[in-house]
Amino acid sequence: MNKTKNNNRPNVFLYFVLTFTISWLLWSPLYFNEEINEFWVLPGAWGPSIAAVFLTWLNTGKAGIKNLLKKLFIWRVHPKYYLFSVFGILLIGLLSVSIYGVFGGQLPEIGIILKGMGLTKENFGLALLLLPIFYLINTLLGGPIAEELGWRGYAQGLLQKKYSPNISGLILGFLWSMWHLPLFIFLPKAVGSMPLWAYIPLMTAMGVTFSWLYNRTRGSVLLAILLHGGMNFTHGFLGADVFSNPILLSIQVSLIIILTIFLSKRNKDYTHNGPPVHS
């Protein structure tokens, strides 16, 4: 028998508690075995979406789950949002490297970047051909597809019932960074070996960027997945060796914050006065 909407009200605090609990428990093998690799991160990465589906079923039944899953298929949006999602953060990463070089910093060797891809300088042409495949693998088999139904598909809209889109994005971005804490402690390479002083403001700012994209695309989880994939791909492509330089990393974080401030001025809740999906 299908559940119908009842007096239960979605509780965003409960959502975060459940998400953290599921993910941190699923990551528990990392706490006891130093030989475990990054593939063990994936089960816990599904925590946000598992919590979202469970709470949606609990509150609104199958009809609610159907509506939640529909957000994965909101694809009729302006092409500029696809371009931004796939290439936006990568361009900022490349701009960071360029600014660093203009002001006298030593540019990273292409060999370092290729090494992070498991290739050598002789394979530069092959690397260019493989970039789209690396992006798709990272996006479809990693955190982006595992997390975004929960973070943006469920939590973003729930937060916006109480807070402004920008405040909702800041809250979600900060908690998103905190959610990764076990990985910082037990498997730093899973988060690009990025220091917390950079990671927390970076992810908090990105929360507002995701909020902007969510509202501009009428709640499209598909576009959130693509943006998440673009973000992960950038740091995977440029590599931990590149962003291990604190000056270069500071430039990257600063540019992300500047982007966030710019987008925040255009971040309006689509349920009230946001644009149609084709604008």
Foldseek 3Di string as FASTA:
>chain_A
DWDAADPDDDDLVVLLVQLLVQLVVQLVVLVPDLPDDLVSNARSLLSLVVSQLVSQCVGGNPVSNVVLVVLQVLDQFAVVLLCCLQCVLLVLLVVLLVVCVVVPHDRDDVQVLVVLVVHGPVCPVVCVVCLVVVLCCCLVVHNLVSNLSRLQSGQQVVVVVPDFLLVSLLVSQQSVLVSCVVCQVRPCVSVLVDDPVLRNLQSSLVSLVLSLSCQQQVRRSNSSSSNVSNNVSSCSSCGSVRCVPPSSSVSSSVVSNVVSVVSNVVRGHNVPDHDYRYD
